């Protein structure tokens, strides 16, 4: 859970003319939330704090809480990174609060090609449900 970036320095005018409004300040605020959580050792509430900083439940929500079970990745001939991350639900004794309990899914699969494309929820019978598409995903945080 770290955040950092370094780009070519821009003038204030260039940022106003060509930058995406509010993205730098949002990145700074999200980084501050992560830093405060790390310093206070309260990472169990990090996802909720990030959601609140992004504007609350009207703008973001927790899709799933679990642990990474597998990561598959490869490279295409055109140098695209492709693969999937499989995350399994926490067991009853691993959950810290009600927010950690997942919907009716036993796992989620996050297929990707250079970035996240979708989140697929899978129940105990193997039935998949698309929970979010690439337009909805900014970042997936794992608790």
N, C-alpha and C. Protein backbone atom coordinates (compact mmCIF):
# COMPACT_ATOMS: atom_id res chain seq x y z
N UNK A 1 0.84 -1.16 0.00
CA UNK A 1 0.00 0.00 0.00
C UNK A 1 0.89 1.23 0.00
N UNK A 2 1.35 1.56 -1.18
CA UNK A 2 2.20 2.73 -1.32
C UNK A 2 1.76 3.50 -2.55
N UNK A 3 2.12 4.74 -2.59
CA UNK A 3 1.73 5.59 -3.70
C UNK A 3 2.90 6.49 -4.02
N UNK A 4 3.16 6.69 -5.28
CA UNK A 4 4.21 7.60 -5.65
C UNK A 4 4.26 7.78 -7.16
N UNK A 5 4.69 8.92 -7.60
CA UNK A 5 4.83 9.18 -9.02
C UNK A 5 5.78 10.34 -9.22
N UNK A 6 6.46 10.33 -10.32
CA UNK A 6 7.31 11.45 -10.69
C UNK A 6 7.16 11.66 -12.19
N UNK A 7 6.81 12.84 -12.57
CA UNK A 7 6.64 13.15 -13.98
C UNK A 7 7.48 14.36 -14.35
N UNK A 8 7.37 14.73 -15.60
CA UNK A 8 8.08 15.91 -16.08
C UNK A 8 7.45 17.13 -15.41
N UNK A 9 8.25 18.01 -14.84
CA UNK A 9 7.67 19.18 -14.17
C UNK A 9 6.86 20.03 -15.15
N UNK A 10 5.70 20.48 -14.69
CA UNK A 10 4.83 21.32 -15.50
C UNK A 10 4.63 22.65 -14.79
N UNK A 11 4.40 23.67 -15.56
CA UNK A 11 4.06 24.95 -14.96
C UNK A 11 2.61 24.90 -14.51
N UNK A 12 2.22 25.84 -13.67
CA UNK A 12 0.83 25.91 -13.23
C UNK A 12 -0.11 26.11 -14.41
N UNK A 13 0.30 26.92 -15.38
CA UNK A 13 -0.52 27.15 -16.58
C UNK A 13 -0.71 25.86 -17.37
N UNK A 14 0.37 25.09 -17.53
CA UNK A 14 0.26 23.82 -18.26
C UNK A 14 -0.67 22.85 -17.55
N UNK A 15 -0.60 22.82 -16.23
CA UNK A 15 -1.50 21.95 -15.45
C UNK A 15 -2.96 22.36 -15.66
N UNK A 16 -3.22 23.66 -15.60
CA UNK A 16 -4.60 24.13 -15.79
C UNK A 16 -5.09 23.87 -17.21
N UNK A 17 -4.20 24.04 -18.20
CA UNK A 17 -4.61 23.89 -19.59
C UNK A 17 -4.72 22.43 -20.04
N UNK A 18 -3.83 21.57 -19.54
CA UNK A 18 -3.74 20.20 -20.07
C UNK A 18 -3.99 19.11 -19.04
N UNK A 19 -3.94 19.43 -17.78
CA UNK A 19 -4.12 18.42 -16.75
C UNK A 19 -5.58 18.07 -16.53
N UNK A 20 -5.82 16.93 -15.92
CA UNK A 20 -7.18 16.54 -15.57
C UNK A 20 -7.49 17.20 -14.23
N UNK A 21 -8.55 18.02 -14.18
CA UNK A 21 -8.83 18.78 -12.96
C UNK A 21 -8.95 17.89 -11.72
N UNK A 22 -8.34 18.34 -10.64
CA UNK A 22 -8.43 17.75 -9.29
C UNK A 22 -7.70 16.41 -9.12
N UNK A 23 -7.03 15.89 -10.15
CA UNK A 23 -6.39 14.58 -9.99
C UNK A 23 -5.15 14.65 -9.10
N UNK A 24 -4.37 15.71 -9.20
CA UNK A 24 -3.18 15.80 -8.36
C UNK A 24 -3.54 15.97 -6.90
N UNK A 25 -4.54 16.80 -6.63
CA UNK A 25 -4.94 16.98 -5.23
C UNK A 25 -5.58 15.72 -4.68
N UNK A 26 -6.35 14.98 -5.51
CA UNK A 26 -6.94 13.72 -5.06
C UNK A 26 -5.84 12.70 -4.75
N UNK A 27 -4.85 12.60 -5.63
CA UNK A 27 -3.73 11.67 -5.39
C UNK A 27 -3.02 12.02 -4.09
N UNK A 28 -2.82 13.31 -3.84
CA UNK A 28 -2.16 13.74 -2.60
C UNK A 28 -3.01 13.35 -1.40
N UNK A 29 -4.33 13.60 -1.46
CA UNK A 29 -5.21 13.29 -0.33
C UNK A 29 -5.26 11.78 -0.07
N UNK A 30 -5.31 10.98 -1.13
CA UNK A 30 -5.34 9.52 -0.95
C UNK A 30 -4.02 9.03 -0.36
N UNK A 31 -2.91 9.59 -0.83
CA UNK A 31 -1.61 9.23 -0.26
C UNK A 31 -1.51 9.59 1.21
N UNK A 32 -2.09 10.72 1.58
CA UNK A 32 -2.10 11.14 3.00
C UNK A 32 -2.89 10.15 3.85
N UNK A 33 -4.04 9.68 3.34
CA UNK A 33 -4.85 8.70 4.08
C UNK A 33 -4.06 7.41 4.30
N UNK A 34 -3.36 6.95 3.26
CA UNK A 34 -2.55 5.72 3.38
C UNK A 34 -1.43 5.93 4.38
N UNK A 35 -0.76 7.07 4.30
CA UNK A 35 0.35 7.36 5.22
C UNK A 35 -0.12 7.40 6.67
N UNK A 36 -1.25 8.05 6.92
CA UNK A 36 -1.79 8.12 8.29
C UNK A 36 -2.14 6.72 8.79
N UNK A 37 -2.75 5.90 7.93
CA UNK A 37 -3.12 4.54 8.33
C UNK A 37 -1.88 3.71 8.65
N UNK A 38 -0.81 3.86 7.85
CA UNK A 38 0.42 3.13 8.11
C UNK A 38 1.05 3.56 9.43
N UNK A 39 1.07 4.84 9.70
CA UNK A 39 1.69 5.34 10.92
C UNK A 39 0.91 4.94 12.17
N UNK A 40 -0.41 4.86 12.05
CA UNK A 40 -1.22 4.50 13.21
C UNK A 40 -1.49 3.00 13.28
N UNK A 41 -0.95 2.25 12.33
CA UNK A 41 -1.12 0.78 12.28
C UNK A 41 -2.59 0.38 12.25
N UNK A 42 -3.42 1.17 11.59
CA UNK A 42 -4.85 0.84 11.49
C UNK A 42 -5.22 0.54 10.04
N UNK A 43 -4.53 -0.42 9.44
CA UNK A 43 -4.77 -0.75 8.04
C UNK A 43 -6.11 -1.43 7.82
N UNK A 44 -6.73 -1.95 8.87
CA UNK A 44 -8.01 -2.64 8.70
C UNK A 44 -9.12 -1.68 8.30
N UNK A 45 -8.96 -0.40 8.58
CA UNK A 45 -9.98 0.59 8.21
C UNK A 45 -9.56 1.42 7.00
N UNK A 46 -8.47 1.04 6.34
CA UNK A 46 -7.94 1.83 5.23
C UNK A 46 -8.93 1.94 4.07
N UNK A 47 -9.55 0.84 3.68
CA UNK A 47 -10.48 0.88 2.54
C UNK A 47 -11.61 1.86 2.80
N UNK A 48 -12.17 1.84 3.99
CA UNK A 48 -13.26 2.76 4.33
C UNK A 48 -12.78 4.21 4.35
N UNK A 49 -11.57 4.45 4.84
CA UNK A 49 -11.03 5.81 4.87
C UNK A 49 -10.78 6.33 3.45
N UNK A 50 -10.31 5.46 2.56
CA UNK A 50 -10.08 5.86 1.17
C UNK A 50 -11.41 6.18 0.47
N UNK A 51 -12.42 5.36 0.72
CA UNK A 51 -13.74 5.62 0.14
C UNK A 51 -14.27 6.97 0.62
N UNK A 52 -14.12 7.23 1.90
CA UNK A 52 -14.60 8.49 2.45
C UNK A 52 -13.86 9.68 1.84
N UNK A 53 -12.55 9.54 1.65
CA UNK A 53 -11.75 10.63 1.07
C UNK A 53 -12.11 10.88 -0.39
N UNK A 54 -12.56 9.86 -1.10
CA UNK A 54 -12.95 10.00 -2.51
C UNK A 54 -14.33 10.63 -2.68
N UNK A 55 -15.07 10.79 -1.61
CA UNK A 55 -16.39 11.40 -1.71
C UNK A 55 -17.49 10.57 -1.10
N UNK A 56 -17.14 9.48 -0.45
CA UNK A 56 -18.14 8.66 0.23
C UNK A 56 -18.79 7.63 -0.66
N UNK A 57 -19.84 7.00 -0.17
CA UNK A 57 -20.47 5.89 -0.89
C UNK A 57 -21.13 6.29 -2.20
N UNK A 58 -21.31 7.58 -2.45
CA UNK A 58 -21.88 8.00 -3.73
C UNK A 58 -20.85 7.90 -4.85
N UNK A 59 -19.57 7.89 -4.52
CA UNK A 59 -18.53 7.90 -5.54
C UNK A 59 -17.67 6.64 -5.57
N UNK A 60 -17.67 5.87 -4.50
CA UNK A 60 -16.83 4.67 -4.44
C UNK A 60 -17.45 3.66 -3.48
N UNK A 61 -17.10 2.39 -3.66
CA UNK A 61 -17.58 1.38 -2.73
C UNK A 61 -16.63 0.20 -2.72
N UNK A 62 -16.70 -0.56 -1.66
CA UNK A 62 -15.89 -1.76 -1.50
C UNK A 62 -16.62 -2.89 -2.24
N UNK A 63 -15.94 -3.50 -3.19
CA UNK A 63 -16.55 -4.60 -3.93
C UNK A 63 -16.37 -5.94 -3.23
N UNK A 64 -15.22 -6.14 -2.63
CA UNK A 64 -14.88 -7.46 -2.12
C UNK A 64 -13.70 -7.32 -1.18
N UNK A 65 -13.68 -8.12 -0.15
CA UNK A 65 -12.53 -8.19 0.75
C UNK A 65 -12.06 -9.63 0.78
N UNK A 66 -10.79 -9.82 0.55
CA UNK A 66 -10.29 -11.19 0.52
C UNK A 66 -8.78 -11.22 0.51
N UNK A 67 -8.26 -12.39 0.18
CA UNK A 67 -6.81 -12.55 0.11
C UNK A 67 -6.46 -13.12 -1.27
N UNK A 68 -5.33 -12.67 -1.78
CA UNK A 68 -4.91 -13.10 -3.11
C UNK A 68 -4.53 -14.57 -3.06
N UNK A 69 -5.17 -15.37 -3.93
CA UNK A 69 -4.88 -16.79 -4.00
C UNK A 69 -3.93 -17.10 -5.14
N UNK A 70 -4.09 -16.43 -6.28
CA UNK A 70 -3.18 -16.70 -7.39
C UNK A 70 -3.07 -15.49 -8.31
N UNK A 71 -1.95 -15.42 -8.99
CA UNK A 71 -1.70 -14.39 -9.99
C UNK A 71 -1.13 -15.09 -11.21
N UNK A 72 -1.76 -14.88 -12.33
CA UNK A 72 -1.25 -15.41 -13.60
C UNK A 72 -0.95 -14.22 -14.49
N UNK A 73 0.24 -14.17 -15.07
CA UNK A 73 0.55 -13.07 -15.96
C UNK A 73 1.47 -13.53 -17.07
N UNK A 74 1.41 -12.80 -18.15
CA UNK A 74 2.24 -13.10 -19.30
C UNK A 74 2.38 -11.86 -20.15
N UNK A 75 3.12 -12.00 -21.23
CA UNK A 75 3.38 -10.89 -22.13
C UNK A 75 3.00 -11.32 -23.54
N UNK A 76 2.25 -10.47 -24.25
CA UNK A 76 1.88 -10.79 -25.62
C UNK A 76 3.03 -10.41 -26.56
N UNK A 77 2.88 -10.78 -27.82
CA UNK A 77 3.90 -10.42 -28.82
C UNK A 77 4.01 -8.91 -29.00
N UNK A 78 2.94 -8.21 -28.67
CA UNK A 78 2.94 -6.75 -28.80
C UNK A 78 3.28 -6.06 -27.47
N UNK A 79 3.84 -6.79 -26.53
CA UNK A 79 4.32 -6.29 -25.24
C UNK A 79 3.20 -5.81 -24.32
N UNK A 80 2.02 -6.38 -24.43
CA UNK A 80 0.96 -6.10 -23.49
C UNK A 80 1.04 -7.11 -22.35
N UNK A 81 0.91 -6.63 -21.13
CA UNK A 81 0.87 -7.50 -19.97
C UNK A 81 -0.56 -8.01 -19.79
N UNK A 82 -0.74 -9.32 -19.79
CA UNK A 82 -2.07 -9.91 -19.66
C UNK A 82 -2.06 -10.95 -18.54
N UNK A 83 -3.22 -11.16 -17.94
CA UNK A 83 -3.32 -12.17 -16.91
C UNK A 83 -4.56 -12.00 -16.08
N UNK A 84 -4.53 -12.59 -14.89
CA UNK A 84 -5.66 -12.45 -13.97
C UNK A 84 -5.17 -12.66 -12.54
N UNK A 85 -5.88 -12.01 -11.63
CA UNK A 85 -5.64 -12.16 -10.19
C UNK A 85 -6.89 -12.78 -9.61
N UNK A 86 -6.74 -13.86 -8.85
CA UNK A 86 -7.87 -14.51 -8.19
C UNK A 86 -7.77 -14.22 -6.70
N UNK A 87 -8.88 -13.69 -6.15
CA UNK A 87 -8.92 -13.31 -4.74
C UNK A 87 -10.03 -14.12 -4.08
N UNK A 88 -9.71 -14.84 -3.02
CA UNK A 88 -10.73 -15.65 -2.34
C UNK A 88 -11.26 -14.91 -1.11
N UNK A 89 -12.51 -15.20 -0.79
CA UNK A 89 -13.17 -14.55 0.35
C UNK A 89 -12.50 -14.95 1.65
N UNK A 90 -12.57 -14.06 2.62
CA UNK A 90 -12.05 -14.37 3.95
C UNK A 90 -13.00 -15.33 4.64
N UNK A 91 -12.45 -16.20 5.45
CA UNK A 91 -13.29 -17.10 6.24
C UNK A 91 -13.88 -16.32 7.42
N UNK A 92 -14.83 -16.92 8.10
CA UNK A 92 -15.49 -16.24 9.24
C UNK A 92 -14.49 -15.77 10.30
N UNK A 93 -13.48 -16.59 10.59
CA UNK A 93 -12.53 -16.23 11.64
C UNK A 93 -11.49 -15.21 11.16
N UNK A 94 -11.43 -14.92 9.86
CA UNK A 94 -10.49 -13.94 9.34
C UNK A 94 -11.09 -12.54 9.22
N UNK A 95 -12.41 -12.42 9.27
CA UNK A 95 -13.05 -11.12 9.13
C UNK A 95 -12.95 -10.33 10.44
N UNK A 96 -12.68 -9.04 10.31
CA UNK A 96 -12.55 -8.19 11.49
C UNK A 96 -13.82 -7.43 11.79
N UNK A 97 -14.65 -7.19 10.77
CA UNK A 97 -15.91 -6.48 10.98
C UNK A 97 -16.89 -6.85 9.86
N UNK A 98 -18.10 -6.35 9.92
CA UNK A 98 -19.12 -6.69 8.93
C UNK A 98 -18.75 -6.21 7.53
N UNK A 99 -17.98 -5.14 7.43
CA UNK A 99 -17.58 -4.64 6.11
C UNK A 99 -16.66 -5.61 5.39
N UNK A 100 -15.98 -6.48 6.15
CA UNK A 100 -15.08 -7.46 5.54
C UNK A 100 -15.82 -8.64 4.93
N UNK A 101 -17.09 -8.78 5.24
CA UNK A 101 -17.86 -9.90 4.71
C UNK A 101 -18.23 -9.60 3.27
N UNK A 102 -17.96 -10.54 2.38
CA UNK A 102 -18.23 -10.36 0.97
C UNK A 102 -19.68 -10.68 0.67
N UNK A 103 -20.12 -10.24 -0.50
CA UNK A 103 -21.51 -10.49 -0.89
C UNK A 103 -21.74 -12.00 -0.89
N UNK A 104 -22.19 -12.57 -1.95
CA UNK A 104 -22.41 -14.02 -2.01
C UNK A 104 -21.32 -14.71 -2.82
N UNK A 105 -20.17 -14.08 -2.95
CA UNK A 105 -19.11 -14.63 -3.76
C UNK A 105 -18.09 -15.37 -2.91
N UNK A 106 -17.59 -16.46 -3.43
CA UNK A 106 -16.51 -17.16 -2.76
C UNK A 106 -15.16 -16.63 -3.23
N UNK A 107 -15.15 -16.00 -4.42
CA UNK A 107 -13.92 -15.42 -4.94
C UNK A 107 -14.26 -14.40 -6.02
N UNK A 108 -13.29 -13.54 -6.32
CA UNK A 108 -13.40 -12.66 -7.48
C UNK A 108 -12.18 -12.86 -8.34
N UNK A 109 -12.36 -12.64 -9.64
CA UNK A 109 -11.28 -12.74 -10.60
C UNK A 109 -11.16 -11.38 -11.26
N UNK A 110 -9.94 -10.85 -11.31
CA UNK A 110 -9.68 -9.57 -11.95
C UNK A 110 -8.79 -9.81 -13.17
N UNK A 111 -9.40 -9.97 -14.36
CA UNK A 111 -8.58 -10.13 -15.56
C UNK A 111 -7.99 -8.78 -15.95
N UNK A 112 -6.81 -8.79 -16.55
CA UNK A 112 -6.20 -7.52 -16.94
C UNK A 112 -5.42 -7.65 -18.23
N UNK A 113 -5.32 -6.54 -18.91
CA UNK A 113 -4.43 -6.36 -20.05
C UNK A 113 -3.85 -4.96 -19.87
N UNK A 114 -2.67 -4.89 -19.28
CA UNK A 114 -1.98 -3.66 -18.89
C UNK A 114 -2.63 -2.98 -17.70
N UNK A 115 -3.93 -3.05 -17.54
CA UNK A 115 -4.63 -2.48 -16.40
C UNK A 115 -5.86 -3.33 -16.12
N UNK A 116 -6.55 -3.04 -15.04
CA UNK A 116 -7.75 -3.81 -14.71
C UNK A 116 -8.83 -3.56 -15.76
N UNK A 117 -9.48 -4.63 -16.21
CA UNK A 117 -10.56 -4.48 -17.19
C UNK A 117 -11.92 -4.75 -16.58
N UNK A 118 -11.99 -5.65 -15.61
CA UNK A 118 -13.28 -6.00 -15.02
C UNK A 118 -13.04 -6.71 -13.69
N UNK A 119 -14.10 -6.81 -12.91
CA UNK A 119 -14.09 -7.62 -11.70
C UNK A 119 -15.22 -8.62 -11.85
N UNK A 120 -14.88 -9.89 -11.79
CA UNK A 120 -15.87 -10.96 -11.94
C UNK A 120 -16.06 -11.64 -10.60
N UNK A 121 -17.28 -11.57 -10.04
CA UNK A 121 -17.58 -12.27 -8.81
C UNK A 121 -17.96 -13.71 -9.12
N UNK A 122 -17.48 -14.65 -8.32
CA UNK A 122 -17.76 -16.06 -8.53
C UNK A 122 -18.33 -16.65 -7.25
N UNK A 123 -19.51 -17.29 -7.33
CA UNK A 123 -20.09 -17.90 -6.13
C UNK A 123 -19.53 -19.31 -5.94
N UNK A 124 -20.00 -19.99 -4.89
CA UNK A 124 -19.46 -21.32 -4.56
C UNK A 124 -19.80 -22.37 -5.63
N UNK A 125 -20.73 -22.07 -6.53
CA UNK A 125 -21.09 -22.99 -7.62
C UNK A 125 -20.35 -22.67 -8.91
N UNK A 126 -19.49 -21.64 -8.89
CA UNK A 126 -18.71 -21.27 -10.06
C UNK A 126 -19.42 -20.29 -10.98
N UNK A 127 -20.61 -19.83 -10.60
CA UNK A 127 -21.36 -18.87 -11.42
C UNK A 127 -20.69 -17.50 -11.33
N UNK A 128 -20.38 -16.89 -12.49
CA UNK A 128 -19.71 -15.60 -12.52
C UNK A 128 -20.69 -14.46 -12.74
N UNK A 129 -20.41 -13.33 -12.09
CA UNK A 129 -21.18 -12.10 -12.25
C UNK A 129 -20.21 -10.96 -12.47
N UNK A 130 -20.42 -10.16 -13.50
CA UNK A 130 -19.57 -8.99 -13.70
C UNK A 130 -19.99 -7.93 -12.69
N UNK A 131 -19.06 -7.54 -11.84
CA UNK A 131 -19.36 -6.60 -10.77
C UNK A 131 -18.96 -5.18 -11.15
N UNK A 132 -17.91 -5.03 -11.94
CA UNK A 132 -17.46 -3.70 -12.35
C UNK A 132 -16.73 -3.84 -13.68
N UNK A 133 -16.85 -2.82 -14.52
CA UNK A 133 -16.13 -2.82 -15.77
C UNK A 133 -14.99 -1.82 -15.68
N UNK A 134 -14.15 -1.77 -16.70
CA UNK A 134 -12.97 -0.92 -16.64
C UNK A 134 -13.31 0.55 -16.46
N UNK A 135 -14.49 0.99 -16.85
CA UNK A 135 -14.87 2.38 -16.67
C UNK A 135 -15.10 2.71 -15.20
N UNK A 136 -15.43 1.71 -14.41
CA UNK A 136 -15.74 1.94 -13.00
C UNK A 136 -14.54 1.77 -12.09
N UNK A 137 -13.51 1.10 -12.56
CA UNK A 137 -12.38 0.76 -11.70
C UNK A 137 -11.30 1.82 -11.79
N UNK A 138 -10.97 2.41 -10.68
CA UNK A 138 -9.82 3.29 -10.62
C UNK A 138 -8.67 2.49 -10.03
N UNK A 139 -8.88 1.97 -8.87
CA UNK A 139 -7.90 1.14 -8.20
C UNK A 139 -8.64 0.16 -7.30
N UNK A 140 -8.15 -1.04 -7.23
CA UNK A 140 -8.73 -2.01 -6.32
C UNK A 140 -7.79 -2.12 -5.13
N UNK A 141 -8.34 -1.93 -3.94
CA UNK A 141 -7.56 -2.01 -2.72
C UNK A 141 -7.88 -3.33 -2.04
N UNK A 142 -6.89 -4.05 -1.62
CA UNK A 142 -7.07 -5.31 -0.93
C UNK A 142 -6.86 -5.09 0.55
N UNK A 143 -7.84 -5.44 1.34
CA UNK A 143 -7.72 -5.30 2.80
C UNK A 143 -7.00 -6.51 3.36
